């Protein structure tokens, strides 16, 4: 038996070993529970072959090599809202190479699976992004979990950093792109403002298997209820880019909290205060209705600035801001987001990990292939600093 200790920085993927190896973290989150004294046997292909009691592995004669880790091992994190990474934005590099570069930047920081996110833009650029997704999907690009189209059918009053001239009513371009994605079995999310699409649109998309998320919206509670009844399933970056919660008008925020929609949140602690996140998690009517997203831009694993819509966006004091000083995306990865949730006392460790693994995987229909550590699974994220 050979043992060794490894010291990993936070948010790394456990790389496939040269031969079958036991991996012993201090804690193991399998996608459902957080437990100590567990060991996982990983083969040279990165596939989990066995899960066992750590003490039994340590005492077994002629055991394969053993690697110890002082942090938490979790399923490879899944981020359903990734605009860019590695110096690349999906909007400006809608190619297989661009997608691969974004994946690589996030994989180096512990996110095993991403959904490249294309924000409001010209119709022909949106089509290029869809075609690139088709090519990448058929090539089996590792780390690609699906695609997210955030816009263009949003409310200009809540556009945030989206460019108003590209916002448009729901049209055949989007309908055909979403049909293209789903006909190839690509998990697909679209963010729209429910008050800006005709009755029946959400139902049509839901019937295609598209996950409809509500966001960049000035929706009333009634608007949300109608969309939920038609099959909407999520809310994009709760609190940001939407009608707020007031005593006599719950708006999208209040109505979402009182719904069974899965609410994504940005946990960089710039977009939403820790107290608001804490209250939101406690307010939900059931478990597994909150997920964390990075909303990451090209600066993750890249330079401290990027350009979109012809405007340069820069990192200032950990925040991404445009020339007017407004927030324009997030400069954080998903592992850092999970750590923030725990360190700021927003939720417990198991809840935070579920928000980055099980919940988004179940929402997108890829559970338990993604988001769970079980026999045959791939992708283990290593996390430190909060347990």
Protein backbone atom coordinates (compact mmCIF):
# COMPACT_ATOMS: atom_id res chain seq x y z
CA UNK A 1 0.00 0.00 0.00
CA UNK A 2 1.30 3.44 -0.94
CA UNK A 3 -0.20 6.58 0.61
CA UNK A 4 0.52 10.21 0.00
CA UNK A 5 -1.04 13.52 0.95
CA UNK A 6 -1.97 16.08 -1.66
CA UNK A 7 -2.47 19.79 -1.11
CA UNK A 8 -4.77 21.23 -3.72
CA UNK A 9 -5.87 24.80 -4.17
CA UNK A 10 -9.59 25.34 -3.84
CA UNK A 11 -11.78 24.42 -6.77
CA UNK A 12 -9.76 21.84 -8.70
CA UNK A 13 -10.85 18.79 -10.61
CA UNK A 14 -9.30 15.52 -9.53
CA UNK A 15 -7.43 14.45 -12.65
CA UNK A 16 -7.54 10.79 -13.73
CA UNK A 17 -4.66 8.85 -12.15
CA UNK A 18 -2.15 6.78 -14.12
CA UNK A 19 -3.64 3.62 -12.62
CA UNK A 20 -6.61 2.79 -10.35
CA UNK A 21 -6.17 4.81 -7.16
CA UNK A 22 -8.07 5.22 -3.91
CA UNK A 23 -8.92 8.82 -3.07
CA UNK A 24 -9.59 9.66 0.59
CA UNK A 25 -10.99 13.15 1.22
CA UNK A 26 -11.70 14.46 4.70
CA UNK A 27 -15.34 14.75 3.64
CA UNK A 28 -17.29 13.31 0.71
CA UNK A 29 -20.44 14.87 -0.72
CA UNK A 30 -22.04 12.32 -3.03
CA UNK A 31 -24.72 14.64 -4.38
CA UNK A 32 -27.11 13.91 -1.53
CA UNK A 33 -25.22 13.64 1.75
CA UNK A 34 -22.00 14.91 3.30
CA UNK A 35 -20.06 12.16 5.10
CA UNK A 36 -16.64 11.59 6.62
CA UNK A 37 -14.44 8.48 6.39
CA UNK A 38 -15.38 7.61 2.81
CA UNK A 39 -13.06 6.56 0.01
CA UNK A 40 -13.55 6.36 -3.74
CA UNK A 41 -11.63 4.20 -6.21
CA UNK A 42 -11.00 6.04 -9.47
CA UNK A 43 -9.58 4.34 -12.57
CA UNK A 44 -7.25 5.76 -15.20
CA UNK A 45 -10.24 6.97 -17.20
CA UNK A 46 -11.44 9.07 -14.27
CA UNK A 47 -14.40 6.76 -13.64
CA UNK A 48 -15.48 5.87 -10.09
CA UNK A 49 -15.17 2.11 -9.65
CA UNK A 50 -15.96 1.74 -5.94
CA UNK A 51 -17.03 3.71 -2.87
CA UNK A 52 -16.00 2.29 0.49
CA UNK A 53 -15.27 2.97 4.15
CA UNK A 54 -11.93 4.80 4.39
CA UNK A 55 -10.69 2.80 7.38
CA UNK A 56 -11.28 -0.45 5.53
CA UNK A 57 -9.27 0.82 2.59
CA UNK A 58 -6.40 1.99 4.82
CA UNK A 59 -6.18 -1.36 6.56
CA UNK A 60 -6.50 -3.54 3.46
CA UNK A 61 -3.34 -5.36 2.31
CA UNK A 62 -2.11 -4.89 -1.24
CA UNK A 63 -4.40 -1.91 -1.79
CA UNK A 64 -4.01 0.27 -4.87
CA UNK A 65 -2.25 3.59 -4.24
CA UNK A 66 -4.01 5.94 -1.83
CA UNK A 67 -4.21 9.73 -2.11
CA UNK A 68 -5.41 11.74 0.88
CA UNK A 69 -7.04 15.13 0.64
CA UNK A 70 -7.83 17.43 3.56
CA UNK A 71 -10.84 19.10 1.98
CA UNK A 72 -14.17 18.02 0.49
CA UNK A 73 -14.66 15.89 -2.61
CA UNK A 74 -17.91 16.55 -4.45
CA UNK A 75 -19.43 15.69 -7.81
CA UNK A 76 -18.05 17.82 -10.61
CA UNK A 77 -19.80 21.18 -10.30
CA UNK A 78 -22.40 22.15 -12.91
CA UNK A 79 -22.80 25.80 -13.92
CA UNK A 80 -25.82 26.58 -16.09
CA UNK A 81 -24.89 30.24 -16.67
CA UNK A 82 -21.38 30.78 -18.04
CA UNK A 83 -20.95 33.68 -20.43
CA UNK A 84 -17.21 33.27 -20.85
CA UNK A 85 -13.82 32.30 -19.50
CA UNK A 86 -10.19 32.13 -20.49
CA UNK A 87 -10.39 35.50 -22.21
CA UNK A 88 -13.29 34.36 -24.42
CA UNK A 89 -16.97 35.35 -24.49
CA UNK A 90 -19.45 32.96 -26.10
CA UNK A 91 -21.17 35.91 -27.79
CA UNK A 92 -18.00 37.11 -29.52
CA UNK A 93 -16.47 33.65 -30.15
CA UNK A 94 -19.43 31.43 -31.05
CA UNK A 95 -17.22 28.56 -32.26
CA UNK A 96 -16.27 25.09 -31.07
CA UNK A 97 -12.81 26.42 -30.21
CA UNK A 98 -14.36 29.26 -28.21
CA UNK A 99 -16.59 26.86 -26.28
CA UNK A 100 -13.61 24.59 -25.58
CA UNK A 101 -11.57 27.51 -24.23
CA UNK A 102 -14.37 28.57 -21.91
CA UNK A 103 -14.76 24.99 -20.63
CA UNK A 104 -11.01 24.68 -20.01
CA UNK A 105 -10.90 27.90 -17.96
CA UNK A 106 -13.69 26.71 -15.68
CA UNK A 107 -12.47 23.12 -15.43
CA UNK A 108 -9.18 24.41 -14.08
CA UNK A 109 -11.23 25.90 -11.23
CA UNK A 110 -13.36 22.88 -10.39
CA UNK A 111 -16.40 23.28 -12.63
CA UNK A 112 -16.64 19.99 -14.49
CA UNK A 113 -19.69 20.87 -16.57
CA UNK A 114 -20.90 24.15 -18.05
CA UNK A 115 -23.71 25.48 -20.17
CA UNK A 116 -22.24 28.23 -22.38
CA UNK A 117 -24.58 31.19 -22.16
CA UNK A 118 -25.36 33.41 -25.12
CA UNK A 119 -26.89 36.74 -24.16
CA UNK A 120 -29.10 39.06 -26.22
CA UNK A 121 -27.51 39.69 -29.62
CA UNK A 122 -28.17 39.82 -33.35
CA UNK A 123 -30.19 36.97 -34.81
CA UNK A 124 -27.42 35.78 -37.12
CA UNK A 125 -24.90 35.72 -34.25
CA UNK A 126 -27.36 33.69 -32.19
CA UNK A 127 -27.62 31.21 -35.06
CA UNK A 128 -23.82 30.93 -35.21
CA UNK A 129 -23.80 30.12 -31.51
CA UNK A 130 -26.42 27.42 -32.04
CA UNK A 131 -24.47 25.90 -34.92
CA UNK A 132 -21.29 25.88 -32.83
CA UNK A 133 -23.17 24.13 -30.04
CA UNK A 134 -24.42 21.51 -32.48
CA UNK A 135 -20.89 20.85 -33.71
CA UNK A 136 -19.41 20.75 -30.21
CA UNK A 137 -22.16 18.42 -28.99
CA UNK A 138 -21.67 15.97 -31.87
CA UNK A 139 -17.92 16.02 -31.28
CA UNK A 140 -18.57 14.99 -27.69
CA UNK A 141 -16.74 17.97 -26.21
CA UNK A 142 -15.96 16.98 -22.64
CA UNK A 143 -17.45 19.29 -20.03
CA UNK A 144 -20.32 20.49 -22.22
CA UNK A 145 -23.65 20.02 -20.41
CA UNK A 146 -25.99 22.04 -22.63
CA UNK A 147 -26.65 25.62 -23.70
CA UNK A 148 -28.37 28.66 -22.23
CA UNK A 149 -29.83 31.48 -24.32
CA UNK A 150 -30.32 34.47 -22.00
CA UNK A 151 -32.57 36.67 -24.09
CA UNK A 152 -33.26 38.25 -26.53
CA UNK A 153 -36.93 38.21 -25.53
CA UNK A 154 -36.59 40.27 -22.37
CA UNK A 155 -37.99 43.52 -21.00
CA UNK A 156 -35.94 46.60 -21.95
CA UNK A 157 -36.83 48.11 -18.57
CA UNK A 158 -34.84 45.31 -16.90
CA UNK A 159 -32.19 44.73 -19.53
CA UNK A 160 -29.16 45.18 -17.27
CA UNK A 161 -26.03 44.89 -19.40
CA UNK A 162 -27.96 43.53 -22.41
CA UNK A 163 -28.03 45.86 -25.41
CA UNK A 164 -31.52 47.23 -26.03
CA UNK A 165 -31.24 47.39 -29.81
CA UNK A 166 -31.00 43.58 -29.96
CA UNK A 167 -34.04 42.93 -27.76
CA UNK A 168 -36.94 41.72 -29.89
CA UNK A 169 -40.30 39.92 -29.69
CA UNK A 170 -40.30 36.13 -29.75
CA UNK A 171 -39.74 35.09 -33.36
CA UNK A 172 -39.15 32.20 -35.73
CA UNK A 173 -35.38 32.59 -35.38
CA UNK A 174 -35.49 31.67 -31.71
CA UNK A 175 -38.18 29.04 -32.22
CA UNK A 176 -36.08 27.29 -34.88
CA UNK A 177 -32.85 27.55 -32.87
CA UNK A 178 -34.47 26.02 -29.81
CA UNK A 179 -36.02 23.29 -31.96
CA UNK A 180 -32.57 22.68 -33.48
CA UNK A 181 -31.05 22.23 -30.02
CA UNK A 182 -33.72 19.93 -28.69
CA UNK A 183 -33.91 17.80 -31.84
CA UNK A 184 -30.29 16.87 -31.13
CA UNK A 185 -30.95 16.10 -27.49
CA UNK A 186 -28.99 19.13 -26.22
CA UNK A 187 -30.17 20.27 -22.77
CA UNK A 188 -31.37 23.81 -23.39
CA UNK A 189 -32.42 26.72 -21.21
CA UNK A 190 -33.88 30.01 -22.38
CA UNK A 191 -34.33 33.10 -20.22
CA UNK A 192 -37.24 35.34 -21.20
CA UNK A 193 -39.56 37.93 -19.70
CA UNK A 194 -43.01 36.30 -19.42
CA UNK A 195 -44.83 39.61 -19.89
CA UNK A 196 -43.02 40.09 -23.22
CA UNK A 197 -44.09 36.87 -24.93
CA UNK A 198 -47.55 35.89 -26.14
CA UNK A 199 -49.70 33.44 -24.20
CA UNK A 200 -48.79 29.89 -25.20
CA UNK A 201 -45.12 30.54 -26.00
CA UNK A 202 -43.87 29.20 -22.69
CA UNK A 203 -46.09 26.12 -23.06
CA UNK A 204 -44.77 25.54 -26.59
CA UNK A 205 -41.16 25.71 -25.46
CA UNK A 206 -41.80 23.54 -22.42
CA UNK A 207 -43.37 20.93 -24.69
CA UNK A 208 -40.13 20.92 -26.73
CA UNK A 209 -38.23 20.08 -23.55
CA UNK A 210 -36.69 23.55 -23.23
CA UNK A 211 -36.18 24.69 -19.63
CA UNK A 212 -37.86 28.10 -19.57
CA UNK A 213 -36.40 30.51 -17.02
CA UNK A 214 -37.88 33.89 -16.17
CA UNK A 215 -35.56 36.84 -15.96
CA UNK A 216 -34.68 40.37 -17.10
CA UNK A 217 -38.33 40.96 -16.46
CA UNK A 218 -40.73 43.47 -14.94
CA UNK A 219 -43.27 40.71 -14.37
CA UNK A 220 -46.09 40.93 -11.88
CA UNK A 221 -47.09 38.02 -9.68
CA UNK A 222 -49.87 37.24 -12.15
CA UNK A 223 -47.36 37.10 -15.02
CA UNK A 224 -45.24 34.60 -13.11
CA UNK A 225 -48.22 32.43 -12.20
CA UNK A 226 -49.31 32.27 -15.84
CA UNK A 227 -45.79 31.30 -16.96
CA UNK A 228 -45.50 28.71 -14.21
CA UNK A 229 -48.85 27.22 -15.24
CA UNK A 230 -47.57 26.98 -18.83
CA UNK A 231 -44.46 25.08 -17.72
CA UNK A 232 -41.77 27.60 -16.79
CA UNK A 233 -39.31 25.92 -14.44
CA UNK A 234 -36.70 28.42 -13.29
CA UNK A 235 -35.76 32.02 -12.51
CA UNK A 236 -32.52 33.56 -13.77
CA UNK A 237 -30.29 35.31 -11.21
CA UNK A 238 -32.94 36.06 -8.60
CA UNK A 239 -33.01 39.70 -7.44
CA UNK A 240 -30.98 40.94 -10.42
CA UNK A 241 -32.72 42.33 -13.49
CA UNK A 242 -36.29 41.90 -12.25
CA UNK A 243 -39.21 43.57 -10.49
CA UNK A 244 -38.62 43.73 -6.77
CA UNK A 245 -40.65 42.61 -3.78
CA UNK A 246 -42.96 45.21 -2.23
CA UNK A 247 -45.65 44.78 0.38
CA UNK A 248 -48.63 45.02 -1.97
CA UNK A 249 -46.85 43.96 -5.16
CA UNK A 250 -44.63 40.87 -4.73
CA UNK A 251 -43.14 41.35 -8.20
CA UNK A 252 -41.02 38.64 -9.77
CA UNK A 253 -38.79 38.32 -6.70
CA UNK A 254 -41.58 37.75 -4.20
CA UNK A 255 -43.67 35.58 -6.51
CA UNK A 256 -40.63 33.45 -7.39
CA UNK A 257 -39.82 32.82 -3.75
CA UNK A 258 -43.41 31.65 -3.21
CA UNK A 259 -43.33 29.36 -6.26
CA UNK A 260 -41.85 25.96 -7.05
CA UNK A 261 -39.55 27.42 -9.71
CA UNK A 262 -35.84 26.76 -9.27
CA UNK A 263 -34.17 30.10 -8.57
CA UNK A 264 -30.59 30.68 -9.65
CA UNK A 265 -28.52 33.12 -7.60
CA UNK A 266 -25.16 34.82 -8.11
CA UNK A 267 -23.12 34.43 -4.92
CA UNK A 268 -20.23 36.81 -5.52
CA UNK A 269 -21.69 38.96 -2.70
CA UNK A 270 -21.70 41.96 -5.03
CA UNK A 271 -24.86 41.17 -6.97
CA UNK A 272 -26.88 40.14 -3.91
CA UNK A 273 -26.24 40.80 -0.22
CA UNK A 274 -25.61 37.80 2.01
CA UNK A 275 -28.70 38.62 4.09
CA UNK A 276 -30.92 38.58 0.99
CA UNK A 277 -29.50 35.23 -0.11
CA UNK A 278 -29.95 33.79 3.39
CA UNK A 279 -33.58 34.91 3.56
CA UNK A 280 -34.32 33.66 0.04
CA UNK A 281 -33.06 30.16 0.80
CA UNK A 282 -35.07 30.00 4.02
CA UNK A 283 -38.22 31.30 2.30
CA UNK A 284 -38.58 28.54 -0.29
CA UNK A 285 -41.59 26.19 0.08
CA UNK A 286 -39.59 23.01 -0.57
CA UNK A 287 -36.06 21.67 -0.80
CA UNK A 288 -33.95 21.74 -3.97
CA UNK A 289 -35.43 24.97 -5.32
CA UNK A 290 -32.24 27.06 -5.18
CA UNK A 291 -29.15 26.75 -7.37
CA UNK A 292 -26.01 28.82 -7.63
CA UNK A 293 -24.66 30.14 -10.93
CA UNK A 294 -21.49 32.05 -11.63
CA UNK A 295 -22.70 34.35 -14.45
CA UNK A 296 -18.96 34.32 -15.19
CA UNK A 297 -17.38 36.37 -17.92
CA UNK A 298 -14.16 36.09 -19.94
CA UNK A 299 -12.07 37.37 -17.02
CA UNK A 300 -12.21 33.98 -15.26
CA UNK A 301 -8.87 32.49 -16.25
CA UNK A 302 -8.27 35.44 -18.55
CA UNK A 303 -7.24 39.11 -18.50
CA UNK A 304 -8.88 41.64 -16.17
CA UNK A 305 -11.14 43.00 -18.89
CA UNK A 306 -13.23 41.90 -21.83
CA UNK A 307 -15.21 43.53 -24.61
CA UNK A 308 -18.84 43.01 -25.56
CA UNK A 309 -21.17 45.18 -27.65
CA UNK A 310 -18.08 47.27 -28.41
CA UNK A 311 -17.68 48.28 -24.75
CA UNK A 312 -14.76 47.34 -22.49
CA UNK A 313 -15.76 45.79 -19.15
CA UNK A 314 -13.17 45.76 -16.36
CA UNK A 315 -12.58 44.11 -12.99
CA UNK A 316 -12.58 46.68 -10.20
CA UNK A 317 -12.36 45.54 -6.56
CA UNK A 318 -13.63 42.09 -7.53
CA UNK A 319 -16.58 43.50 -9.48
CA UNK A 320 -17.07 43.61 -13.23
CA UNK A 321 -18.24 47.08 -14.21
CA UNK A 322 -18.98 48.85 -17.47
CA UNK A 323 -17.95 52.37 -18.34
CA UNK A 324 -20.93 53.74 -16.43
CA UNK A 325 -19.83 51.90 -13.30
CA UNK A 326 -22.72 49.39 -13.40
CA UNK A 327 -22.33 45.67 -12.77
CA UNK A 328 -21.78 43.77 -16.03
CA UNK A 329 -21.55 40.10 -15.19
CA UNK A 330 -19.60 38.40 -12.44
CA UNK A 331 -15.92 37.78 -11.83
CA UNK A 332 -16.22 34.53 -9.89
CA UNK A 333 -16.18 30.79 -10.54
CA UNK A 334 -18.66 28.27 -9.15
CA UNK A 335 -16.29 26.83 -6.52
CA UNK A 336 -15.71 30.32 -5.13
CA UNK A 337 -19.47 30.85 -5.11
CA UNK A 338 -20.01 27.70 -3.04
CA UNK A 339 -17.35 28.79 -0.56
CA UNK A 340 -18.99 32.22 -0.28
CA UNK A 341 -22.35 30.65 0.55
CA UNK A 342 -20.82 28.77 3.48
CA UNK A 343 -18.28 31.30 4.73
CA UNK A 344 -20.86 34.10 4.78
CA UNK A 345 -23.23 31.93 6.82
CA UNK A 346 -25.83 31.87 4.05
CA UNK A 347 -26.41 28.10 4.21
CA UNK A 348 -24.77 24.90 5.39
CA UNK A 349 -22.14 23.05 3.39
CA UNK A 350 -24.39 20.27 2.08
CA UNK A 351 -26.98 22.78 0.85
CA UNK A 352 -24.35 24.89 -0.89
CA UNK A 353 -22.88 21.85 -2.63
CA UNK A 354 -26.31 20.65 -3.71
CA UNK A 355 -26.98 24.08 -5.20
CA UNK A 356 -23.97 23.57 -7.51
CA UNK A 357 -24.50 19.89 -8.30
CA UNK A 358 -27.76 18.05 -7.69
CA UNK A 359 -30.22 20.92 -8.14
CA UNK A 360 -29.02 22.18 -11.56
CA UNK A 361 -28.51 18.60 -12.76
CA UNK A 362 -32.07 17.67 -11.86
CA UNK A 363 -33.42 20.86 -13.43
CA UNK A 364 -31.64 20.16 -16.72
CA UNK A 365 -32.53 16.46 -16.78
CA UNK A 366 -28.93 15.23 -16.57
CA UNK A 367 -29.10 13.76 -13.04
CA UNK A 368 -27.60 11.35 -11.94
CA UNK A 369 -25.13 11.21 -14.84
CA UNK A 370 -24.02 14.65 -13.70
CA UNK A 371 -24.22 15.95 -10.15
CA UNK A 372 -23.75 12.70 -8.24
CA UNK A 373 -20.82 10.56 -7.14
CA UNK A 374 -21.79 6.97 -7.78
CA UNK A 375 -20.38 3.98 -9.58
CA UNK A 376 -19.56 4.87 -13.17
CA UNK A 377 -19.63 8.63 -12.55
CA UNK A 378 -16.90 10.99 -13.78
CA UNK A 379 -15.72 14.34 -12.51
CA UNK A 380 -14.74 15.01 -8.89
CA UNK A 381 -14.35 18.57 -7.64
CA UNK A 382 -12.00 19.30 -4.73
CA UNK A 383 -12.91 22.11 -2.35
CA UNK A 384 -11.18 23.59 0.66
CA UNK A 385 -11.51 26.51 3.00
CA UNK A 386 -14.90 26.08 4.64
CA UNK A 387 -15.22 22.70 6.35
